[in-house]
Amino acid sequence: MEVVTHLVNDTVEFYKWSLTIADKRVENWPMMSSPFPTLALSCLYLLFLWVGPKYMQDRQPYTLRKTLIVYNFSMVVLNFYIAKEVDDCHTLSRDNSVWLFLDTVFFIMRKKFNQVSFLHVYHHWTMFILWWIGIKWVPGGQAFLGATINSCVHVLMYGYYGLAAIGPQMQKYLWWKKYLTIIQMIQFHVTIGHAAQSLYTGCPFPKWMQWALISYAVTFIILFANFYYHAYRGKPSSSHKRDKPIANGTSVVTNGHSKVEEVEDNGKRQKKGRAKKD
């Protein structure tokens, strides 16, 4: 018990000390005076990941076609704006929190549970905390090169999703999907190279942040490479193809409407039905 008490006291003292070296320009910004609102938001996100699929389990998936078109093209404009105004950390912290939630919400409402992968959750959940840390202690400097590149990549990504949401008539223009993953992996290599070059030249930017950026980028390279292999290189087994509709509630989309496949699951048959519209 004494060891636990010492650990708690040391943690509290370290936190108090860390606040003395935080950037004073952001201490009065919304959600920046304490980490607890951000931690609460992160916990709320994880709670939704547990409650959302349970809520949708016996319900028909929503189509959300019009909503997705508006949302994705709005995100194209927003990310273009973020890339242009990347030095405004307040804009980054506020606007990123929006899409971090909504991307996952739309997947679950449409019962695209297979798209809420470990990569998706890891990326979205860690962003809440990491952006808070970055803005609290290093709101500026070279860390935001990665943010600029990332925003540019998101312009392409949400542009793709927006076009895909329009309908099957756009499929012939969406041949470049796999190249988005390649571009995403390239951006992480650029981030690593930039941080490594700064460490080598002795840039005054905090070394702990440089190493944090490198470590974080490495995890994404591994996860995206794994995704790329299984999506575009690997050959899924026949049993995987057969089980996927049952496990993930996969639906067939035709002209903006979704007909739920009738599949057998432990002797029971799911109901057919039209997906709910916007």
Protein backbone atom coordinates (compact mmCIF):
# COMPACT_ATOMS: atom_id res chain seq x y z
CA MET A 1 0.00 0.00 0.00
CA GLU A 2 2.87 2.33 0.77
CA VAL A 3 4.33 1.72 -2.68
CA VAL A 4 1.01 2.65 -4.28
CA THR A 5 0.80 5.83 -2.19
CA HIS A 6 4.31 6.87 -3.24
CA LEU A 7 3.48 6.16 -6.88
CA VAL A 8 0.34 8.30 -6.72
CA ASN A 9 2.19 11.13 -4.97
CA ASP A 10 5.05 11.03 -7.49
CA THR A 11 2.55 11.08 -10.36
CA VAL A 12 0.76 14.10 -8.91
CA GLU A 13 4.04 15.92 -8.34
CA PHE A 14 5.18 15.15 -11.89
CA TYR A 15 1.89 16.47 -13.28
CA LYS A 16 2.22 19.68 -11.26
CA TRP A 17 5.77 20.12 -12.49
CA SER A 18 4.73 19.48 -16.09
CA LEU A 19 2.21 22.30 -15.87
CA THR A 20 5.02 24.72 -15.05
CA ILE A 21 6.62 24.06 -18.45
CA ALA A 22 3.36 24.07 -20.44
CA ASP A 23 2.81 26.81 -22.99
CA LYS A 24 1.09 29.76 -21.27
CA ARG A 25 -0.63 30.85 -24.48
CA VAL A 26 -3.07 27.93 -24.39
CA GLU A 27 -3.87 27.59 -20.69
CA ASN A 28 -7.15 29.54 -21.03
CA TRP A 29 -8.31 27.79 -24.19
CA PRO A 30 -11.39 25.53 -23.93
CA MET A 31 -10.48 22.07 -22.56
CA MET A 32 -6.79 23.01 -22.19
CA SER A 33 -6.59 23.91 -18.50
CA SER A 34 -6.96 20.27 -17.46
CA PRO A 35 -6.60 16.89 -19.18
CA PHE A 36 -9.78 15.54 -17.62
CA PRO A 37 -12.28 16.85 -20.24
CA THR A 38 -10.20 15.26 -22.98
CA LEU A 39 -9.87 12.00 -21.01
CA ALA A 40 -13.64 12.03 -20.44
CA LEU A 41 -14.19 12.53 -24.18
CA SER A 42 -11.86 9.60 -24.91
CA CYS A 43 -13.78 7.38 -22.47
CA LEU A 44 -17.06 8.50 -24.04
CA TYR A 45 -15.72 7.47 -27.44
CA LEU A 46 -14.82 3.99 -26.16
CA LEU A 47 -18.22 3.70 -24.47
CA PHE A 48 -19.94 4.51 -27.76
CA LEU A 49 -17.91 1.79 -29.48
CA TRP A 50 -19.41 -0.68 -27.01
CA VAL A 51 -22.98 0.68 -26.83
CA GLY A 52 -23.41 1.64 -30.52
CA PRO A 53 -23.18 -1.86 -32.07
CA LYS A 54 -25.44 -3.27 -29.34
CA TYR A 55 -28.03 -0.59 -30.07
CA MET A 56 -27.89 -1.26 -33.83
CA GLN A 57 -27.74 -5.06 -33.54
CA ASP A 58 -31.48 -5.70 -34.06
CA ARG A 59 -32.16 -2.58 -36.12
CA GLN A 60 -31.95 -1.96 -39.83
CA PRO A 61 -28.86 0.01 -40.95
CA TYR A 62 -29.26 3.64 -41.93
CA THR A 63 -28.29 4.56 -45.50
CA LEU A 64 -27.31 8.18 -44.73
CA ARG A 65 -26.47 8.76 -48.39
CA LYS A 66 -27.22 12.49 -48.47
CA THR A 67 -25.68 12.98 -45.04
CA LEU A 68 -22.46 11.26 -46.12
CA ILE A 69 -22.20 13.33 -49.30
CA VAL A 70 -22.56 16.59 -47.38
CA TYR A 71 -20.32 15.42 -44.55
CA ASN A 72 -17.46 14.14 -46.68
CA PHE A 73 -17.29 17.16 -48.98
CA SER A 74 -17.56 19.44 -45.92
CA MET A 75 -14.54 17.61 -44.52
CA VAL A 76 -12.67 18.24 -47.77
CA VAL A 77 -13.20 21.98 -47.29
CA LEU A 78 -12.42 21.81 -43.57
CA ASN A 79 -9.16 19.91 -44.00
CA PHE A 80 -8.09 22.25 -46.78
CA TYR A 81 -8.71 25.12 -44.37
CA ILE A 82 -6.78 23.36 -41.58
CA ALA A 83 -3.82 22.79 -43.91
CA LYS A 84 -3.87 26.49 -44.78
CA GLU A 85 -4.23 27.66 -41.16
CA VAL A 86 -2.19 24.93 -39.50
CA ASP A 87 -0.38 27.36 -37.23
CA ASP A 88 -3.67 27.99 -35.44
CA CYS A 89 -3.60 25.13 -32.92
CA HIS A 90 -6.99 26.08 -31.54
CA THR A 91 -8.55 25.43 -34.92
CA LEU A 92 -6.85 22.04 -35.11
CA SER A 93 -7.90 20.91 -31.66
CA ARG A 94 -11.51 22.00 -32.11
CA ASP A 95 -12.14 20.76 -35.63
CA ASN A 96 -10.34 17.42 -35.35
CA SER A 97 -12.56 16.42 -32.42
CA VAL A 98 -15.59 16.66 -34.73
CA TRP A 99 -14.57 14.20 -37.42
CA LEU A 100 -12.97 11.82 -34.91
CA PHE A 101 -16.42 11.12 -33.54
CA LEU A 102 -18.56 11.34 -36.66
CA ASP A 103 -16.54 8.92 -38.79
CA THR A 104 -17.15 6.17 -36.25
CA VAL A 105 -20.78 7.18 -35.64
CA PHE A 106 -21.62 6.85 -39.34
CA PHE A 107 -19.93 3.44 -39.61
CA ILE A 108 -21.94 2.09 -36.69
CA MET A 109 -25.26 3.63 -37.78
CA ARG A 110 -24.78 1.99 -41.18
CA LYS A 111 -23.77 -1.29 -39.47
CA LYS A 112 -20.39 -1.24 -41.19
CA PHE A 113 -18.88 -2.82 -38.09
CA ASN A 114 -16.02 -4.37 -40.07
CA GLN A 115 -14.76 -0.84 -40.86
CA VAL A 116 -14.46 -0.05 -37.14
CA SER A 117 -11.16 -1.92 -37.11
CA PHE A 118 -8.31 -1.77 -34.60
CA LEU A 119 -6.52 0.68 -36.92
CA HIS A 120 -9.59 2.92 -37.04
CA VAL A 121 -10.13 2.89 -33.26
CA TYR A 122 -6.42 3.25 -32.46
CA HIS A 123 -6.08 6.26 -34.75
CA HIS A 124 -9.22 8.04 -33.60
CA TRP A 125 -8.89 7.34 -29.88
CA THR A 126 -5.22 8.29 -29.56
CA MET A 127 -5.76 11.54 -31.46
CA PHE A 128 -7.84 13.01 -28.63
CA ILE A 129 -5.04 12.62 -26.11
CA LEU A 130 -2.07 13.29 -28.40
CA TRP A 131 -3.49 16.53 -29.77
CA TRP A 132 -4.10 17.71 -26.21
CA ILE A 133 -0.48 16.92 -25.27
CA GLY A 134 0.88 18.57 -28.39
CA ILE A 135 -1.15 21.75 -27.95
CA LYS A 136 -0.46 21.91 -24.20
CA TRP A 137 3.33 21.68 -24.43
CA VAL A 138 4.41 22.27 -28.04
CA PRO A 139 1.75 24.42 -29.79
CA GLY A 140 3.80 25.26 -32.85
CA GLY A 141 7.10 24.42 -34.42
CA GLN A 142 7.92 21.52 -36.62
CA ALA A 143 5.40 19.07 -35.16
CA PHE A 144 2.81 20.67 -37.39
CA LEU A 145 4.50 19.69 -40.64
CA GLY A 146 2.93 16.29 -40.06
CA ALA A 147 -0.41 17.96 -39.35
CA THR A 148 -0.21 19.90 -42.61
CA ILE A 149 0.59 16.79 -44.65
CA ASN A 150 -2.10 14.83 -42.83
CA SER A 151 -4.72 17.46 -43.60
CA CYS A 152 -3.76 17.37 -47.29
CA VAL A 153 -4.10 13.58 -47.28
CA HIS A 154 -7.52 13.92 -45.66
CA VAL A 155 -8.59 16.23 -48.48
CA LEU A 156 -7.97 13.34 -50.88
CA MET A 157 -9.45 10.73 -48.56
CA TYR A 158 -12.72 12.56 -47.86
CA GLY A 159 -12.93 13.48 -51.52
CA TYR A 160 -12.85 9.77 -52.32
CA TYR A 161 -15.49 8.97 -49.70
CA GLY A 162 -17.69 11.81 -50.94
CA LEU A 163 -17.56 10.56 -54.52
CA ALA A 164 -18.22 6.98 -53.39
CA ALA A 165 -21.29 8.12 -51.45
CA ILE A 166 -22.85 9.58 -54.61
CA GLY A 167 -23.55 6.10 -55.93
CA PRO A 168 -22.48 3.27 -58.28
CA GLN A 169 -22.23 5.65 -61.23
CA MET A 170 -19.04 7.03 -59.67
CA GLN A 171 -17.28 3.66 -59.37
CA LYS A 172 -15.39 4.02 -62.64
CA TYR A 173 -13.75 7.17 -61.28
CA LEU A 174 -12.62 5.54 -58.01
CA TRP A 175 -9.86 3.28 -59.28
CA TRP A 176 -7.30 5.09 -57.10
CA LYS A 177 -8.50 3.81 -53.70
CA LYS A 178 -5.43 1.71 -52.91
CA TYR A 179 -3.13 4.61 -53.72
CA LEU A 180 -4.65 6.51 -50.79
CA THR A 181 -3.20 3.90 -48.46
CA ILE A 182 0.19 4.22 -50.15
CA ILE A 183 0.07 8.01 -49.78
CA GLN A 184 -0.82 7.62 -46.10
CA MET A 185 2.20 5.38 -45.54
CA ILE A 186 4.43 7.86 -47.38
CA GLN A 187 3.34 10.67 -45.07
CA PHE A 188 4.43 8.68 -42.02
CA HIS A 189 7.85 8.05 -43.58
CA VAL A 190 8.15 11.78 -44.26
CA THR A 191 7.24 12.52 -40.63
CA ILE A 192 9.92 10.12 -39.40
CA GLY A 193 12.52 11.56 -41.76
CA HIS A 194 11.73 15.11 -40.74
CA ALA A 195 11.92 14.33 -37.01
CA ALA A 196 15.14 12.33 -37.44
CA GLN A 197 16.73 15.17 -39.42
CA SER A 198 15.81 17.61 -36.63
CA LEU A 199 17.35 15.34 -34.01
CA TYR A 200 20.52 15.06 -36.10
CA THR A 201 20.86 18.81 -36.65
CA GLY A 202 20.06 19.70 -33.05
CA CYS A 203 16.81 21.56 -33.69
CA PRO A 204 15.66 23.24 -30.43
CA PHE A 205 12.27 21.55 -30.71
CA PRO A 206 11.80 19.23 -27.64
CA LYS A 207 13.52 15.90 -28.18
CA TRP A 208 10.84 13.94 -26.32
CA MET A 209 8.30 15.16 -28.86
CA GLN A 210 10.57 14.20 -31.75
CA TRP A 211 10.86 10.65 -30.44
CA ALA A 212 7.13 10.52 -29.73
CA LEU A 213 6.39 11.50 -33.34
CA ILE A 214 8.79 8.87 -34.66
CA SER A 215 7.36 6.13 -32.44
CA TYR A 216 3.78 7.03 -33.28
CA ALA A 217 4.51 7.12 -37.03
CA VAL A 218 6.18 3.69 -36.85
CA THR A 219 3.02 2.16 -35.35
CA PHE A 220 0.97 3.60 -38.21
CA ILE A 221 3.37 2.30 -40.85
CA ILE A 222 3.00 -1.19 -39.39
CA LEU A 223 -0.80 -1.00 -39.14
CA PHE A 224 -1.31 0.53 -42.59
CA ALA A 225 1.09 -1.95 -44.17
CA ASN A 226 -0.88 -4.77 -42.57
CA PHE A 227 -4.13 -3.26 -43.89
CA TYR A 228 -2.67 -2.82 -47.38
CA TYR A 229 -1.46 -6.42 -47.50
CA HIS A 230 -4.79 -7.92 -46.47
CA ALA A 231 -6.86 -5.53 -48.60
CA TYR A 232 -4.85 -5.62 -51.83
CA ARG A 233 -2.27 -8.40 -51.65
CA GLY A 234 -3.55 -11.17 -49.43
CA LYS A 235 -6.13 -13.70 -50.60
CA PRO A 236 -8.84 -14.27 -47.99
CA SER A 237 -9.88 -17.86 -47.50
CA SER A 238 -13.29 -19.10 -48.61
CA SER A 239 -14.34 -19.60 -44.99
CA HIS A 240 -13.48 -15.95 -44.26
CA LYS A 241 -15.61 -14.82 -47.18
CA ARG A 242 -18.48 -17.00 -45.98
CA ASP A 243 -18.34 -15.83 -42.37
CA LYS A 244 -17.87 -12.12 -43.04
CA PRO A 245 -21.54 -11.22 -43.75
CA ILE A 246 -22.63 -12.99 -40.56
CA ALA A 247 -20.01 -11.46 -38.31
CA ASN A 248 -20.13 -7.93 -39.65
CA GLY A 249 -23.70 -7.42 -40.79
CA THR A 250 -22.52 -6.67 -44.33
CA SER A 251 -25.16 -5.15 -46.60
CA VAL A 252 -25.47 -4.89 -50.36
CA VAL A 253 -25.79 -1.29 -51.54
CA THR A 254 -27.75 -0.53 -54.71
CA ASN A 255 -28.52 3.01 -55.88
CA GLY A 256 -28.25 4.45 -52.42
CA HIS A 257 -30.50 1.85 -50.76
CA SER A 258 -29.34 -1.07 -48.67
CA LYS A 259 -30.95 -4.50 -48.65
CA VAL A 260 -29.82 -6.58 -45.73
CA GLU A 261 -28.63 -10.01 -46.82
CA GLU A 262 -30.55 -12.89 -45.35
CA VAL A 263 -27.98 -15.08 -43.66
CA GLU A 264 -28.16 -18.04 -41.38
CA ASP A 265 -26.69 -17.65 -37.90
CA ASN A 266 -26.95 -20.59 -35.44
CA GLY A 267 -30.12 -21.86 -37.06
CA LYS A 268 -31.86 -18.48 -37.00
CA ARG A 269 -32.54 -16.28 -39.99
CA GLN A 270 -32.28 -12.53 -39.97
CA LYS A 271 -35.11 -10.42 -41.35
CA LYS A 272 -34.93 -8.80 -44.74
CA GLY A 273 -35.64 -5.13 -44.94
CA ARG A 274 -34.88 -1.76 -46.39
CA ALA A 275 -32.30 0.35 -44.67
CA LYS A 276 -33.48 3.56 -43.03
CA LYS A 277 -32.92 6.68 -45.08
CA ASP A 278 -31.67 10.06 -43.89
